[in-house]
Amino acid sequence: MLELAELSKILRFTTLFADVPDDVLDAVGNRMEDVDFLGNTLFTKGEGAEGLCLIVEGIVELWSGAVEIAERRAGECVGELA
């Protein structure tokens, strides 16, 4: 499990949270959950979004049917448009 300071630091280096004040980053960090999805489906197109997934390490492949349409890497987010 990542500590709040680590989560805030990770958030700071994402495009989405780059200009957000530290106190807001800490508040967001307090609501974050450290989850390992290695080899599993994060979400399926058309599902309601439960939250935003921030990739801390590794690569997430985005598929539409049998076609890979994009990849997201550490520091990027997925699920914001789910």
Protein backbone atom coordinates (compact mmCIF):
# COMPACT_ATOMS: atom_id res chain seq x y z
CA MET A 1 0.00 0.00 0.00
CA LEU A 2 1.34 3.41 -0.97
CA GLU A 3 1.65 6.13 1.66
CA LEU A 4 -0.10 9.51 1.26
CA ALA A 5 3.17 11.30 0.48
CA GLU A 6 3.89 8.79 -2.30
CA LEU A 7 0.39 9.13 -3.74
CA SER A 8 0.59 12.93 -3.73
CA LYS A 9 3.98 12.77 -5.48
CA ILE A 10 2.59 10.41 -8.13
CA LEU A 11 -0.42 12.68 -8.68
CA ARG A 12 1.85 15.73 -9.04
CA PHE A 13 3.56 14.18 -12.08
CA THR A 14 0.35 13.47 -14.00
CA THR A 15 -0.97 15.92 -16.55
CA LEU A 16 -4.40 15.91 -14.92
CA PHE A 17 -3.12 16.94 -11.46
CA ALA A 18 0.05 18.88 -12.34
CA ASP A 19 -1.30 22.31 -11.34
CA VAL A 20 -3.45 21.25 -8.40
CA PRO A 21 -2.51 22.72 -4.97
CA ASP A 22 -0.79 20.38 -2.48
CA ASP A 23 -3.71 20.38 -0.01
CA VAL A 24 -6.06 19.23 -2.78
CA LEU A 25 -3.59 16.52 -3.84
CA ASP A 26 -3.50 15.29 -0.25
CA ALA A 27 -7.32 15.22 -0.14
CA VAL A 28 -7.42 13.25 -3.40
CA GLY A 29 -4.65 10.96 -2.16
CA ASN A 30 -6.68 10.22 0.98
CA ARG A 31 -9.51 8.93 -1.21
CA MET A 32 -7.32 6.80 -3.46
CA GLU A 33 -7.19 3.04 -3.27
CA ASP A 34 -4.10 1.04 -4.22
CA VAL A 35 -5.33 -1.80 -6.46
CA ASP A 36 -3.44 -4.36 -8.53
CA PHE A 37 -5.21 -5.29 -11.78
CA LEU A 38 -2.37 -7.28 -13.33
CA GLY A 39 -3.87 -9.43 -16.09
CA ASN A 40 -7.48 -8.38 -15.36
CA THR A 41 -10.07 -6.17 -17.03
CA LEU A 42 -10.39 -2.72 -15.45
CA PHE A 43 -13.69 -1.86 -17.11
CA THR A 44 -15.76 -2.59 -20.18
CA LYS A 45 -17.00 -0.01 -22.69
CA GLY A 46 -20.42 1.28 -21.70
CA GLU A 47 -20.08 0.52 -17.98
CA GLY A 48 -20.65 3.35 -15.59
CA ALA A 49 -17.38 4.69 -14.21
CA GLU A 50 -16.74 4.12 -10.52
CA GLY A 51 -13.63 6.22 -10.53
CA LEU A 52 -10.51 7.22 -12.33
CA CYS A 53 -7.62 4.76 -12.64
CA LEU A 54 -4.14 6.25 -12.38
CA ILE A 55 -1.45 3.96 -13.72
CA VAL A 56 1.48 3.86 -11.30
CA GLU A 57 3.55 1.26 -13.11
CA GLY A 58 3.24 -0.93 -16.16
CA ILE A 59 1.10 -0.56 -19.28
CA VAL A 60 -2.66 -0.69 -19.75
CA GLU A 61 -3.91 -1.78 -23.15
CA LEU A 62 -7.21 -0.31 -24.40
CA TRP A 63 -9.19 -2.61 -26.67
CA SER A 64 -12.31 -2.23 -28.79
CA GLY A 65 -13.42 -5.75 -29.55
CA ALA A 66 -10.38 -7.58 -30.90
CA VAL A 67 -8.50 -4.39 -31.83
CA GLU A 68 -6.01 -2.68 -29.52
CA ILE A 69 -6.74 1.04 -29.91
CA ALA A 70 -4.28 2.57 -27.43
CA GLU A 71 -1.88 2.03 -24.57
CA ARG A 72 -1.54 4.04 -21.39
CA ARG A 73 1.60 4.08 -19.25
CA ALA A 74 2.68 5.12 -15.76
CA GLY A 75 1.53 8.65 -14.96
CA GLU A 76 -1.47 8.44 -17.27
CA CYS A 77 -5.13 7.89 -16.39
CA VAL A 78 -7.84 5.62 -17.75
CA GLY A 79 -11.55 5.34 -17.04
CA GLU A 80 -12.34 9.03 -17.02
CA LEU A 81 -14.58 8.54 -20.06
CA ALA A 82 -15.94 5.07 -19.23
